[in-house]
PDB file of N, CA and C in Angstrom:
ATOM      1  N   MET A   1     106.719 133.260  66.755  1.00  0.00           N
ATOM      2  CA  MET A   1     106.093 132.118  66.524  1.00  0.00           C
ATOM      3  C   MET A   1     104.265 132.378  66.109  1.00  0.00           C
ATOM      4  N   ALA A   2     104.262 131.350  65.370  1.00  0.00           N
ATOM      5  CA  ALA A   2     102.999 131.018  64.735  1.00  0.00           C
ATOM      6  C   ALA A   2     101.843 130.223  65.314  1.00  0.00           C
ATOM      7  N   THR A   3     100.656 130.529  64.976  1.00  0.00           N
ATOM      8  CA  THR A   3      99.673 129.781  66.330  1.00  0.00           C
ATOM      9  C   THR A   3      99.017 129.645  65.242  1.00  0.00           C
ATOM     10  N   SER A   4      98.487 128.563  65.089  1.00  0.00           N
ATOM     11  CA  SER A   4      97.360 128.192  64.698  1.00  0.00           C
ATOM     12  C   SER A   4      96.205 127.236  65.364  1.00  0.00           C
ATOM     13  N   GLN A   5      94.886 127.422  65.149  1.00  0.00           N
ATOM     14  CA  GLN A   5      93.683 126.989  65.562  1.00  0.00           C
ATOM     15  C   GLN A   5      93.745 125.139  64.919  1.00  0.00           C
ATOM     16  N   LEU A   6      93.686 124.471  65.806  1.00  0.00           N
ATOM     17  CA  LEU A   6      93.602 122.803  65.467  1.00  0.00           C
ATOM     18  C   LEU A   6      92.260 122.238  64.872  1.00  0.00           C
ATOM     19  N   PHE A   7      91.645 122.724  65.971  1.00  0.00           N
ATOM     20  CA  PHE A   7      89.862 122.235  66.301  1.00  0.00           C
ATOM     21  C   PHE A   7      89.176 123.158  67.261  1.00  0.00           C
ATOM     22  N   SER A   8      88.351 123.212  67.667  1.00  0.00           N
ATOM     23  CA  SER A   8      87.508 123.576  68.399  1.00  0.00           C
ATOM     24  C   SER A   8      86.129 123.564  68.834  1.00  0.00           C
ATOM     25  N   SER A   9      85.452 122.948  69.913  1.00  0.00           N
ATOM     26  CA  SER A   9      84.349 123.008  69.699  1.00  0.00           C
ATOM     27  C   SER A   9      83.718 123.116  71.136  1.00  0.00           C
ATOM     28  N   LEU A  10      82.546 122.771  71.554  1.00  0.00           N
ATOM     29  CA  LEU A  10      81.819 123.749  72.437  1.00  0.00           C
ATOM     30  C   LEU A  10      82.469 123.516  74.248  1.00  0.00           C
ATOM     31  N   PHE A  11      83.473 122.680  74.342  1.00  0.00           N
ATOM     32  CA  PHE A  11      84.009 122.503  75.504  1.00  0.00           C
ATOM     33  C   PHE A  11      85.675 122.147  75.309  1.00  0.00           C
ATOM     34  N   LEU A  12      85.819 121.658  74.341  1.00  0.00           N
ATOM     35  CA  LEU A  12      87.293 122.079  73.999  1.00  0.00           C
ATOM     36  C   LEU A  12      87.937 122.769  73.014  1.00  0.00           C
ATOM     37  N   THR A  13      89.435 123.667  73.277  1.00  0.00           N
ATOM     38  CA  THR A  13      89.918 124.578  72.312  1.00  0.00           C
ATOM     39  C   THR A  13      91.161 123.572  72.212  1.00  0.00           C
ATOM     40  N   ALA A  14      91.981 123.262  70.930  1.00  0.00           N
ATOM     41  CA  ALA A  14      93.157 122.843  70.758  1.00  0.00           C
ATOM     42  C   ALA A  14      94.011 124.235  69.678  1.00  0.00           C
ATOM     43  N   THR A  15      95.331 124.208  70.476  1.00  0.00           N
ATOM     44  CA  THR A  15      95.674 125.208  69.300  1.00  0.00           C
ATOM     45  C   THR A  15      97.217 124.905  69.169  1.00  0.00           C
ATOM     46  N   ILE A  16      97.532 124.434  67.992  1.00  0.00           N
ATOM     47  CA  ILE A  16      99.742 124.361  67.593  1.00  0.00           C
ATOM     48  C   ILE A  16     100.678 125.538  67.699  1.00  0.00           C
ATOM     49  N   THR A  17     101.724 125.350  68.218  1.00  0.00           N
ATOM     50  CA  THR A  17     102.355 126.788  68.278  1.00  0.00           C
ATOM     51  C   THR A  17     103.911 126.150  67.604  1.00  0.00           C
ATOM     52  N   SER A  18     103.906 126.666  66.486  1.00  0.00           N
ATOM     53  CA  SER A  18     105.473 126.275  65.922  1.00  0.00           C
ATOM     54  C   SER A  18     106.312 127.829  65.763  1.00  0.00           C
ATOM     55  N   PRO A  19     107.270 127.439  65.657  1.00  0.00           N
ATOM     56  CA  PRO A  19     108.170 128.047  65.785  1.00  0.00           C
ATOM     57  C   PRO A  19     108.588 128.356  64.264  1.00  0.00           C
ATOM     58  N   THR A  20     109.149 129.751  64.175  1.00  0.00           N
ATOM     59  CA  THR A  20     108.728 130.186  62.873  1.00  0.00           C
ATOM     60  C   THR A  20     110.412 130.284  61.904  1.00  0.00           C
ATOM     61  N   ARG A  21     111.160 130.095  63.245  1.00  0.00           N
ATOM     62  CA  ARG A  21     112.792 130.060  62.049  1.00  0.00           C
ATOM     63  C   ARG A  21     113.295 129.225  62.900  1.00  0.00           C
ATOM     64  N   LEU A  22     114.754 128.908  62.283  1.00  0.00           N
ATOM     65  CA  LEU A  22     115.141 127.715  62.971  1.00  0.00           C
ATOM     66  C   LEU A  22     116.209 128.021  64.576  1.00  0.00           C
ATOM     67  N   CYS A  23     116.527 126.910  64.955  1.00  0.00           N
ATOM     68  CA  CYS A  23     117.187 126.582  65.982  1.00  0.00           C
ATOM     69  C   CYS A  23     118.594 127.060  65.684  1.00  0.00           C
ATOM     70  N   HIS A  24     118.873 128.318  66.423  1.00  0.00           N
ATOM     71  CA  HIS A  24     120.871 128.405  66.111  1.00  0.00           C
ATOM     72  C   HIS A  24     121.669 127.562  66.324  1.00  0.00           C
ATOM     73  N   HIS A  25     121.206 126.938  67.289  1.00  0.00           N
ATOM     74  CA  HIS A  25     122.456 125.388  67.657  1.00  0.00           C
ATOM     75  C   HIS A  25     122.274 124.306  67.306  1.00  0.00           C
ATOM     76  N   HIS A  26     120.977 123.898  66.658  1.00  0.00           N
ATOM     77  CA  HIS A  26     120.901 122.705  66.461  1.00  0.00           C
ATOM     78  C   HIS A  26     120.212 122.394  64.473  1.00  0.00           C
ATOM     79  N   ARG A  27     120.845 121.513  64.199  1.00  0.00           N
ATOM     80  CA  ARG A  27     119.819 121.908  62.121  1.00  0.00           C
ATOM     81  C   ARG A  27     118.564 121.230  62.557  1.00  0.00           C
ATOM     82  N   HIS A  28     118.056 120.948  63.274  1.00  0.00           N
ATOM     83  CA  HIS A  28     116.746 120.581  62.972  1.00  0.00           C
ATOM     84  C   HIS A  28     115.539 121.254  63.498  1.00  0.00           C
ATOM     85  N   ARG A  29     114.612 121.309  62.980  1.00  0.00           N
ATOM     86  CA  ARG A  29     113.848 122.191  64.098  1.00  0.00           C
ATOM     87  C   ARG A  29     112.851 122.191  65.123  1.00  0.00           C
ATOM     88  N   ARG A  30     112.495 122.611  65.912  1.00  0.00           N
ATOM     89  CA  ARG A  30     111.787 122.734  66.668  1.00  0.00           C
ATOM     90  C   ARG A  30     110.887 121.250  66.960  1.00  0.00           C
ATOM     91  N   LEU A  31     110.166 121.247  67.283  1.00  0.00           N
ATOM     92  CA  LEU A  31     108.793 120.502  67.741  1.00  0.00           C
ATOM     93  C   LEU A  31     107.630 121.366  68.146  1.00  0.00           C
ATOM     94  N   PRO A  32     106.524 120.890  67.447  1.00  0.00           N
ATOM     95  CA  PRO A  32     105.832 122.538  67.789  1.00  0.00           C
ATOM     96  C   PRO A  32     104.817 122.097  68.939  1.00  0.00           C
ATOM     97  N   LYS A  33     104.226 123.223  69.646  1.00  0.00           N
ATOM     98  CA  LYS A  33     103.827 122.657  71.059  1.00  0.00           C
ATOM     99  C   LYS A  33     102.456 123.003  71.096  1.00  0.00           C
ATOM    100  N   PHE A  34     101.761 121.562  71.790  1.00  0.00           N
ATOM    101  CA  PHE A  34     100.267 121.971  71.970  1.00  0.00           C
ATOM    102  C   PHE A  34      99.338 122.560  72.413  1.00  0.00           C
ATOM    103  N   ARG A  35      98.371 123.537  72.908  1.00  0.00           N
ATOM    104  CA  ARG A  35      98.051 123.951  74.014  1.00  0.00           C
ATOM    105  C   ARG A  35      96.391 123.728  74.173  1.00  0.00           C
ATOM    106  N   ILE A  36      95.987 123.459  74.810  1.00  0.00           N
ATOM    107  CA  ILE A  36      94.584 122.503  75.296  1.00  0.00           C
ATOM    108  C   ILE A  36      94.191 123.132  76.043  1.00  0.00           C
ATOM    109  N   ASN A  37      92.740 124.125  76.240  1.00  0.00           N
ATOM    110  CA  ASN A  37      92.176 124.508  77.303  1.00  0.00           C
ATOM    111  C   ASN A  37      90.798 124.225  77.220  1.00  0.00           C
ATOM    112  N   ALA A  38      90.247 123.608  78.452  1.00  0.00           N
ATOM    113  CA  ALA A  38      88.962 122.925  78.687  1.00  0.00           C
ATOM    114  C   ALA A  38      88.373 124.406  78.889  1.00  0.00           C
ATOM    115  N   ALA A  39      86.851 124.055  78.430  1.00  0.00           N
ATOM    116  CA  ALA A  39      85.956 124.651  78.199  1.00  0.00           C
ATOM    117  C   ALA A  39      85.774 125.116  79.925  1.00  0.00           C
ATOM    118  N   LYS A  40      84.725 125.856  80.539  1.00  0.00           N
ATOM    119  CA  LYS A  40      84.521 126.300  81.948  1.00  0.00           C
ATOM    120  C   LYS A  40      83.535 125.669  82.265  1.00  0.00           C
ATOM    121  N   ILE A  41      83.102 125.539  83.474  1.00  0.00           N
ATOM    122  CA  ILE A  41      82.551 124.302  84.359  1.00  0.00           C
ATOM    123  C   ILE A  41      81.178 125.028  84.321  1.00  0.00           C
ATOM    124  N   PRO A  42      79.925 124.003  82.984  1.00  0.00           N
ATOM    125  CA  PRO A  42      78.332 125.659  83.548  1.00  0.00           C
ATOM    126  C   PRO A  42      78.519 125.756  84.345  1.00  0.00           C
ATOM    127  N   ALA A  43      77.366 126.530  84.926  1.00  0.00           N
ATOM    128  CA  ALA A  43      76.874 127.075  86.360  1.00  0.00           C
ATOM    129  C   ALA A  43      76.231 126.358  87.203  1.00  0.00           C
ATOM    130  N   GLY A  44      75.563 125.882  88.313  1.00  0.00           N
ATOM    131  CA  GLY A  44      75.554 124.896  88.947  1.00  0.00           C
ATOM    132  C   GLY A  44      75.807 123.844  89.199  1.00  0.00           C
ATOM    133  N   VAL A  45      77.166 123.377  88.573  1.00  0.00           N
ATOM    134  CA  VAL A  45      77.589 122.376  88.746  1.00  0.00           C
ATOM    135  C   VAL A  45      78.671 122.036  89.646  1.00  0.00           C
ATOM    136  N   GLU A  46      79.018 121.066  90.233  1.00  0.00           N
ATOM    137  CA  GLU A  46      79.999 121.395  91.750  1.00  0.00           C
ATOM    138  C   GLU A  46      80.922 120.186  91.607  1.00  0.00           C
ATOM    139  N   LEU A  47      82.123 120.751  91.482  1.00  0.00           N
ATOM    140  CA  LEU A  47      83.269 119.732  92.099  1.00  0.00           C
ATOM    141  C   LEU A  47      83.478 118.503  92.813  1.00  0.00           C
ATOM    142  N   PRO A  48      83.218 117.811  92.844  1.00  0.00           N
ATOM    143  CA  PRO A  48      83.488 116.668  94.223  1.00  0.00           C
ATOM    144  C   PRO A  48      84.704 117.285  94.990  1.00  0.00           C
ATOM    145  N   LYS A  49      84.702 116.966  96.160  1.00  0.00           N
ATOM    146  CA  LYS A  49      85.523 117.411  97.251  1.00  0.00           C
ATOM    147  C   LYS A  49      86.804 116.646  97.137  1.00  0.00           C
ATOM    148  N   GLU A  50      86.303 115.152  96.866  1.00  0.00           N
ATOM    149  CA  GLU A  50      87.564 114.323  97.277  1.00  0.00           C
ATOM    150  C   GLU A  50      87.187 113.097  95.996  1.00  0.00           C
ATOM    151  N   LEU A  51      88.416 112.565  95.611  1.00  0.00           N
ATOM    152  CA  LEU A  51      87.890 111.374  94.487  1.00  0.00           C
ATOM    153  C   LEU A  51      87.789 110.124  95.256  1.00  0.00           C
ATOM    154  N   PRO A  52      86.989 109.663  94.095  1.00  0.00           N
ATOM    155  CA  PRO A  52      85.967 108.330  95.094  1.00  0.00           C
ATOM    156  C   PRO A  52      87.734 107.226  95.170  1.00  0.00           C
ATOM    157  N   LYS A  53      87.316 106.514  96.567  1.00  0.00           N
ATOM    158  CA  LYS A  53      88.378 105.135  96.493  1.00  0.00           C
ATOM    159  C   LYS A  53      87.666 103.848  95.986  1.00  0.00           C
ATOM    160  N   LEU A  54      88.477 103.732  94.584  1.00  0.00           N
ATOM    161  CA  LEU A  54      87.885 103.000  94.511  1.00  0.00           C
ATOM    162  C   LEU A  54      89.144 101.551  94.585  1.00  0.00           C
ATOM    163  N   GLN A  55      88.452 100.003  94.623  1.00  0.00           N
ATOM    164  CA  GLN A  55      89.254  98.884  95.462  1.00  0.00           C
ATOM    165  C   GLN A  55      89.401  98.529  94.009  1.00  0.00           C
ATOM    166  N   PRO A  56      91.001  97.638  93.722  1.00  0.00           N
ATOM    167  CA  PRO A  56      91.350  97.267  92.835  1.00  0.00           C
ATOM    168  C   PRO A  56      91.174  96.289  92.001  1.00  0.00           C
ATOM    169  N   PRO A  57      91.010  96.240  90.772  1.00  0.00           N
ATOM    170  CA  PRO A  57      89.438  95.125  90.406  1.00  0.00           C
ATOM    171  C   PRO A  57      90.472  93.714  90.611  1.00  0.00           C
ATOM    172  N   VAL A  58      90.248  92.155  91.046  1.00  0.00           N
ATOM    173  CA  VAL A  58      90.793  91.350  91.863  1.00  0.00           C
ATOM    174  C   VAL A  58      90.399  90.149  90.220  1.00  0.00           C
ATOM    175  N   ALA A  59      89.128  89.899  89.821  1.00  0.00           N
ATOM    176  CA  ALA A  59      89.176  89.091  88.302  1.00  0.00           C
ATOM    177  C   ALA A  59      88.315  90.204  87.534  1.00  0.00           C
ATOM    178  N   GLY A  60      88.323  89.951  85.905  1.00  0.00           N
ATOM    179  CA  GLY A  60      87.536  90.452  84.891  1.00  0.00           C
ATOM    180  C   GLY A  60      88.110  91.438  84.323  1.00  0.00           C
ATOM    181  N   PHE A  61      87.904  92.061  84.354  1.00  0.00           N
ATOM    182  CA  PHE A  61      88.263  93.256  83.168  1.00  0.00           C
ATOM    183  C   PHE A  61      89.934  94.083  84.199  1.00  0.00           C
ATOM    184  N   THR A  62      90.788  93.050  84.069  1.00  0.00           N
ATOM    185  CA  THR A  62      91.794  93.299  84.692  1.00  0.00           C
ATOM    186  C   THR A  62      93.180  94.051  83.545  1.00  0.00           C
ATOM    187  N   ARG A  63      94.012  94.502  83.490  1.00  0.00           N
ATOM    188  CA  ARG A  63      94.813  94.791  81.902  1.00  0.00           C
ATOM    189  C   ARG A  63      95.661  93.507  81.740  1.00  0.00           C
ATOM    190  N   THR A  64      95.809  93.138  83.064  1.00  0.00           N
ATOM    191  CA  THR A  64      96.714  91.614  82.678  1.00  0.00           C
ATOM    192  C   THR A  64      95.881  90.576  81.783  1.00  0.00           C
ATOM    193  N   ALA A  65      94.890  90.584  82.418  1.00  0.00           N
ATOM    194  CA  ALA A  65      93.935  89.853  81.424  1.00  0.00           C
ATOM    195  C   ALA A  65      93.289  89.742  79.946  1.00  0.00           C
ATOM    196  N   GLU A  66      93.412  91.391  79.810  1.00  0.00           N
ATOM    197  CA  GLU A  66      92.701  91.727  78.620  1.00  0.00           C
ATOM    198  C   GLU A  66      94.426  91.195  77.701  1.00  0.00           C
ATOM    199  N   VAL A  67      95.340  91.841  78.095  1.00  0.00           N
ATOM    200  CA  VAL A  67      96.493  91.448  77.294  1.00  0.00           C
ATOM    201  C   VAL A  67      96.906  90.184  77.200  1.00  0.00           C
ATOM    202  N   TRP A  68      96.232  89.048  77.677  1.00  0.00           N
ATOM    203  CA  TRP A  68      96.525  87.856  77.895  1.00  0.00           C
ATOM    204  C   TRP A  68      95.190  87.447  76.516  1.00  0.00           C
ATOM    205  N   ASN A  69      94.187  88.209  77.081  1.00  0.00           N
ATOM    206  CA  ASN A  69      92.943  87.616  75.720  1.00  0.00           C
ATOM    207  C   ASN A  69      93.324  88.083  74.602  1.00  0.00           C
ATOM    208  N   SER A  70      93.897  89.120  74.311  1.00  0.00           N
ATOM    209  CA  SER A  70      94.180  89.534  73.066  1.00  0.00           C
ATOM    210  C   SER A  70      95.812  88.790  72.392  1.00  0.00           C
ATOM    211  N   ARG A  71      96.387  88.407  72.936  1.00  0.00           N
ATOM    212  CA  ARG A  71      97.653  87.568  72.788  1.00  0.00           C
ATOM    213  C   ARG A  71      96.719  86.283  72.321  1.00  0.00           C
ATOM    214  N   ALA A  72      95.676  85.630  72.867  1.00  0.00           N
ATOM    215  CA  ALA A  72      95.358  84.542  72.504  1.00  0.00           C
ATOM    216  C   ALA A  72      94.358  84.337  71.427  1.00  0.00           C
ATOM    217  N   CYS A  73      94.115  85.671  70.981  1.00  0.00           N
ATOM    218  CA  CYS A  73      92.883  85.961  70.410  1.00  0.00           C
ATOM    219  C   CYS A  73      93.765  86.071  68.841  1.00  0.00           C
ATOM    220  N   MET A  74      94.609  86.946  69.320  1.00  0.00           N
ATOM    221  CA  MET A  74      95.435  86.685  67.944  1.00  0.00           C
ATOM    222  C   MET A  74      96.688  85.706  67.472  1.00  0.00           C
ATOM    223  N   ILE A  75      96.781  84.527  68.322  1.00  0.00           N
ATOM    224  CA  ILE A  75      97.340  83.232  68.047  1.00  0.00           C
ATOM    225  C   ILE A  75      96.419  82.337  67.129  1.00  0.00           C
ATOM    226  N   GLY A  76      94.800  82.542  67.915  1.00  0.00           N
ATOM    227  CA  GLY A  76      93.756  81.734  67.530  1.00  0.00           C
ATOM    228  C   GLY A  76      93.381  82.278  65.713  1.00  0.00           C
ATOM    229  N   ILE A  77      94.039  83.587  65.670  1.00  0.00           N
ATOM    230  CA  ILE A  77      93.297  84.103  64.174  1.00  0.00           C
ATOM    231  C   ILE A  77      94.501  83.408  62.962  1.00  0.00           C
ATOM    232  N   ILE A  78      95.386  83.473  63.456  1.00  0.00           N
ATOM    233  CA  ILE A  78      96.968  83.523  62.935  1.00  0.00           C
ATOM    234  C   ILE A  78      96.924  81.900  62.518  1.00  0.00           C
ATOM    235  N   SER A  79      96.427  80.616  63.768  1.00  0.00           N
ATOM    236  CA  SER A  79      96.263  79.691  63.567  1.00  0.00           C
ATOM    237  C   SER A  79      94.801  78.904  62.509  1.00  0.00           C
ATOM    238  N   VAL A  80      93.774  80.137  62.122  1.00  0.00           N
ATOM    239  CA  VAL A  80      93.173  79.461  61.845  1.00  0.00           C
ATOM    240  C   VAL A  80      93.232  79.869  60.112  1.00  0.00           C
ATOM    241  N   PHE A  81      94.186  81.458  60.002  1.00  0.00           N
ATOM    242  CA  PHE A  81      94.630  81.775  58.351  1.00  0.00           C
ATOM    243  C   PHE A  81      95.806  80.663  58.031  1.00  0.00           C
ATOM    244  N   ILE A  82      96.952  79.494  59.438  1.00  0.00           N
ATOM    245  CA  ILE A  82      97.802  79.048  58.412  1.00  0.00           C
ATOM    246  C   ILE A  82      96.884  77.492  58.276  1.00  0.00           C
ATOM    247  N   LEU A  83      95.703  77.162  59.379  1.00  0.00           N
ATOM    248  CA  LEU A  83      94.979  76.080  58.959  1.00  0.00           C
ATOM    249  C   LEU A  83      94.250  75.672  57.549  1.00  0.00           C
ATOM    250  N   GLU A  84      93.835  77.072  56.935  1.00  0.00           N
ATOM    251  CA  GLU A  84      92.998  77.338  55.909  1.00  0.00           C
ATOM    252  C   GLU A  84      93.885  76.873  54.685  1.00  0.00           C
ATOM    253  N   LEU A  85      95.289  77.654  54.795  1.00  0.00           N
ATOM    254  CA  LEU A  85      96.402  77.714  53.852  1.00  0.00           C
ATOM    255  C   LEU A  85      96.548  75.905  53.509  1.00  0.00           C
ATOM    256  N   ILE A  86      97.154  75.143  54.611  1.00  0.00           N
ATOM    257  CA  ILE A  86      97.362  74.339  54.398  1.00  0.00           C
ATOM    258  C   ILE A  86      96.485  73.081  53.851  1.00  0.00           C
ATOM    259  N   LEU A  87      94.885  73.129  54.992  1.00  0.00           N
ATOM    260  CA  LEU A  87      94.043  72.067  54.322  1.00  0.00           C
ATOM    261  C   LEU A  87      93.633  72.958  52.886  1.00  0.00           C
ATOM    262  N   ASN A  88      93.797  73.887  52.563  1.00  0.00           N
ATOM    263  CA  ASN A  88      93.251  74.874  50.968  1.00  0.00           C
ATOM    264  C   ASN A  88      91.424  74.533  50.779  1.00  0.00           C
ATOM    265  N   LYS A  89      90.659  74.818  52.956  1.00  0.00           N
ATOM    266  CA  LYS A  89      89.729  74.982  52.682  1.00  0.00           C
ATOM    267  C   LYS A  89      89.225  75.702  53.673  1.00  0.00           C
ATOM    268  N   GLY A  90      88.156  76.023  53.526  1.00  0.00           N
ATOM    269  CA  GLY A  90      87.589  77.117  54.382  1.00  0.00           C
ATOM    270  C   GLY A  90      87.191  76.728  56.119  1.00  0.00           C
ATOM    271  N   LEU A  91      87.259  77.627  57.033  1.00  0.00           N
ATOM    272  CA  LEU A  91      86.898  77.098  58.112  1.00  0.00           C
ATOM    273  C   LEU A  91      85.860  76.153  58.257  1.00  0.00           C
ATOM    274  N   LEU A  92      84.433  76.627  57.924  1.00  0.00           N
ATOM    275  CA  LEU A  92      83.208  75.908  57.833  1.00  0.00           C
ATOM    276  C   LEU A  92      83.585  74.815  56.998  1.00  0.00           C
ATOM    277  N   GLU A  93      84.339  74.532  56.179  1.00  0.00           N
ATOM    278  CA  GLU A  93      84.462  73.274  55.224  1.00  0.00           C
ATOM    279  C   GLU A  93      84.969  72.512  56.302  1.00  0.00           C
ATOM    280  N   ILE A  94      85.938  72.747  57.062  1.00  0.00           N
ATOM    281  CA  ILE A  94      87.310  72.310  57.960  1.00  0.00           C
ATOM    282  C   ILE A  94      85.609  71.449  58.971  1.00  0.00           C
ATOM    283  N   PHE A  95      84.412  71.903  59.321  1.00  0.00           N
ATOM    284  CA  PHE A  95      84.158  71.412  60.400  1.00  0.00           C
ATOM    285  C   PHE A  95      82.589  70.827  59.389  1.00  0.00           C
ATOM    286  N   GLY A  96      82.559  70.733  58.022  1.00  0.00           N
ATOM    287  CA  GLY A  96      81.599  69.542  57.621  1.00  0.00           C
ATOM    288  C   GLY A  96      80.737  70.185  57.374  1.00  0.00           C
ATOM    289  N   LEU A  97      80.104  71.670  57.382  1.00  0.00           N
ATOM    290  CA  LEU A  97      79.602  72.637  56.743  1.00  0.00           C
ATOM    291  C   LEU A  97      79.709  72.835  55.225  1.00  0.00           C
ATOM    292  N   GLU A  98      78.130  72.772  54.619  1.00  0.00           N
ATOM    293  CA  GLU A  98      78.118  72.997  53.197  1.00  0.00           C
ATOM    294  C   GLU A  98      78.336  73.883  52.972  1.00  0.00           C
ATOM    295  N   ILE A  99      79.458  74.158  51.757  1.00  0.00           N
ATOM    296  CA  ILE A  99      79.297  76.024  51.514  1.00  0.00           C
ATOM    297  C   ILE A  99      78.688  75.657  50.368  1.00  0.00           C
ATOM    298  N   GLY A 100      77.809  76.741  49.803  1.00  0.00           N
ATOM    299  CA  GLY A 100      77.047  77.080  48.469  1.00  0.00           C
ATOM    300  C   GLY A 100      78.267  77.839  47.706  1.00  0.00           C
ATOM    301  N   LYS A 101      78.041  78.473  46.526  1.00  0.00           N
ATOM    302  CA  LYS A 101      78.534  79.244  45.226  1.00  0.00           C
ATOM    303  C   LYS A 101      77.765  80.463  45.402  1.00  0.00           C
ATOM    304  N   GLY A 102      77.281  80.650  46.780  1.00  0.00           N
ATOM    305  CA  GLY A 102      76.779  82.254  46.675  1.00  0.00           C
ATOM    306  C   GLY A 102      76.068  82.355  45.657  1.00  0.00           C
ATOM    307  N   LEU A 103      75.491  83.025  44.909  1.00  0.00           N
ATOM    308  CA  LEU A 103      74.749  83.697  44.140  1.00  0.00           C
ATOM    309  C   LEU A 103      74.963  82.708  42.447  1.00  0.00           C
ATOM    310  N   ASP A 104      76.064  82.478  42.760  1.00  0.00           N
ATOM    311  CA  ASP A 104      76.267  81.545  41.474  1.00  0.00           C
ATOM    312  C   ASP A 104      76.417  82.111  39.988  1.00  0.00           C
ATOM    313  N   LEU A 105      76.909  83.361  39.719  1.00  0.00           N
ATOM    314  CA  LEU A 105      76.316  84.718  38.684  1.00  0.00           C
ATOM    315  C   LEU A 105      77.729  84.550  38.230  1.00  0.00           C
ATOM    316  N   PRO A 106      77.399  84.255  36.342  1.00  0.00           N
ATOM    317  CA  PRO A 106      78.163  83.872  35.558  1.00  0.00           C
ATOM    318  C   PRO A 106      79.375  85.876  35.029  1.00  0.00           C
ATOM    319  N   LEU A 107      80.392  85.608  35.274  1.00  0.00           N
ATOM    320  CA  LEU A 107      81.774  86.209  35.373  1.00  0.00           C
ATOM    321  C   LEU A 107      82.092  86.172  33.847  1.00  0.00           C
TER     322      LEU A 107
END
Protein backbone atom coordinates (compact mmCIF):
# COMPACT_ATOMS: atom_id res chain seq x y z
CA MET A 1 0.00 0.00 0.00
CA ALA A 2 1.13 3.49 -0.82
CA THR A 3 0.90 6.19 1.82
CA SER A 4 1.02 9.90 1.14
CA GLN A 5 0.60 12.82 3.49
CA LEU A 6 -2.52 14.79 2.63
CA PHE A 7 -1.85 17.79 4.88
CA SER A 8 -0.11 18.60 8.09
CA SER A 9 -0.55 21.38 10.58
CA LEU A 10 0.53 22.16 14.12
CA PHE A 11 -2.40 20.25 15.63
CA LEU A 12 -3.55 17.81 12.96
CA THR A 13 -1.97 15.44 10.45
CA ALA A 14 -3.92 13.60 7.74
CA THR A 15 -2.55 10.81 5.59
CA ILE A 16 -4.16 8.88 2.77
CA THR A 17 -3.51 5.20 2.23
CA SER A 18 -4.42 3.75 -1.14
CA PRO A 19 -3.97 0.21 -2.44
CA THR A 20 -1.37 -0.26 -5.15
CA ARG A 21 -3.03 -3.23 -6.83
CA LEU A 22 -6.52 -4.19 -7.87
CA CYS A 23 -8.60 -6.42 -5.68
CA HIS A 24 -8.50 -9.91 -7.23
CA HIS A 25 -12.21 -10.70 -6.88
CA HIS A 26 -13.59 -7.25 -7.78
CA ARG A 27 -13.32 -5.32 -11.00
CA HIS A 28 -13.14 -1.97 -9.27
CA ARG A 29 -10.40 -0.41 -7.23
CA ARG A 30 -10.69 -0.21 -3.46
CA LEU A 31 -11.48 3.15 -1.96
CA PRO A 32 -8.60 4.92 -0.21
CA LYS A 33 -8.52 4.93 3.58
CA PHE A 34 -7.98 8.11 5.55
CA ARG A 35 -6.23 8.32 8.89
CA ILE A 36 -6.26 11.52 10.91
CA ASN A 37 -3.99 11.85 13.91
CA ALA A 38 -4.66 14.62 16.40
CA ALA A 39 -1.87 16.41 18.19
CA LYS A 40 -1.02 15.81 21.82
CA ILE A 41 -2.65 17.99 24.43
CA PRO A 42 -0.31 20.79 25.55
CA ALA A 43 1.26 20.55 28.98
CA GLY A 44 -0.89 21.97 31.76
CA VAL A 45 -4.21 21.44 29.96
CA GLU A 46 -6.60 19.07 31.69
CA LEU A 47 -9.53 17.35 30.04
CA PRO A 48 -12.92 17.73 31.73
CA LYS A 49 -13.96 14.75 33.83
CA GLU A 50 -17.56 14.80 32.55
CA LEU A 51 -19.41 16.42 29.70
CA PRO A 52 -21.68 19.37 30.52
CA LYS A 53 -25.39 18.59 30.56
CA LEU A 54 -27.02 20.96 28.09
CA GLN A 55 -30.74 21.52 27.76
CA PRO A 56 -32.09 21.05 24.24
CA PRO A 57 -33.10 24.38 22.69
CA VAL A 58 -36.82 25.12 22.75
CA ALA A 59 -36.89 28.26 20.61
CA GLY A 60 -34.38 30.12 18.50
CA PHE A 61 -31.63 28.41 16.57
CA THR A 62 -33.04 24.90 16.49
CA ARG A 63 -32.46 22.62 13.53
CA THR A 64 -36.12 22.71 12.51
CA ALA A 65 -36.26 26.51 12.67
CA GLU A 66 -33.15 26.83 10.52
CA VAL A 67 -34.49 24.38 7.93
CA TRP A 68 -37.76 26.31 7.62
CA ASN A 69 -35.87 29.61 7.55
CA SER A 70 -33.73 28.44 4.64
CA ARG A 71 -36.79 27.13 2.77
CA ALA A 72 -38.56 30.48 3.17
CA CYS A 73 -35.42 32.26 1.94
CA MET A 74 -35.22 30.09 -1.18
CA ILE A 75 -38.91 30.67 -1.96
CA GLY A 76 -38.45 34.44 -1.49
CA ILE A 77 -35.43 34.67 -3.78
CA ILE A 78 -37.06 32.62 -6.52
CA SER A 79 -40.23 34.75 -6.18
CA VAL A 80 -38.23 37.95 -6.66
CA PHE A 81 -36.52 36.51 -9.76
CA ILE A 82 -39.88 35.51 -11.25
CA LEU A 83 -41.42 38.90 -10.42
CA GLU A 84 -38.52 40.76 -12.05
CA LEU A 85 -38.76 38.52 -15.10
CA ILE A 86 -42.52 39.07 -15.52
CA LEU A 87 -42.54 42.84 -14.89
CA ASN A 88 -39.19 43.51 -16.61
CA LYS A 89 -38.18 45.82 -13.73
CA GLY A 90 -35.78 45.49 -10.87
CA LEU A 91 -36.97 45.07 -7.28
CA LEU A 92 -36.21 48.70 -6.37
CA GLU A 93 -38.10 49.96 -9.43
CA ILE A 94 -41.09 47.83 -8.45
CA PHE A 95 -41.16 49.60 -5.07
CA GLY A 96 -41.06 52.99 -6.81
CA LEU A 97 -37.45 54.02 -6.17
CA GLU A 98 -35.67 55.90 -8.94
CA ILE A 99 -32.84 53.95 -10.47
CA GLY A 100 -30.05 55.91 -12.13
CA LYS A 101 -27.92 54.85 -15.05
CA GLY A 102 -24.82 54.35 -12.94
CA LEU A 103 -21.78 56.16 -14.31
CA ASP A 104 -23.44 56.58 -17.75
CA LEU A 105 -20.24 55.74 -19.61
CA PRO A 106 -20.45 55.40 -23.41
CA LEU A 107 -19.55 51.88 -24.43
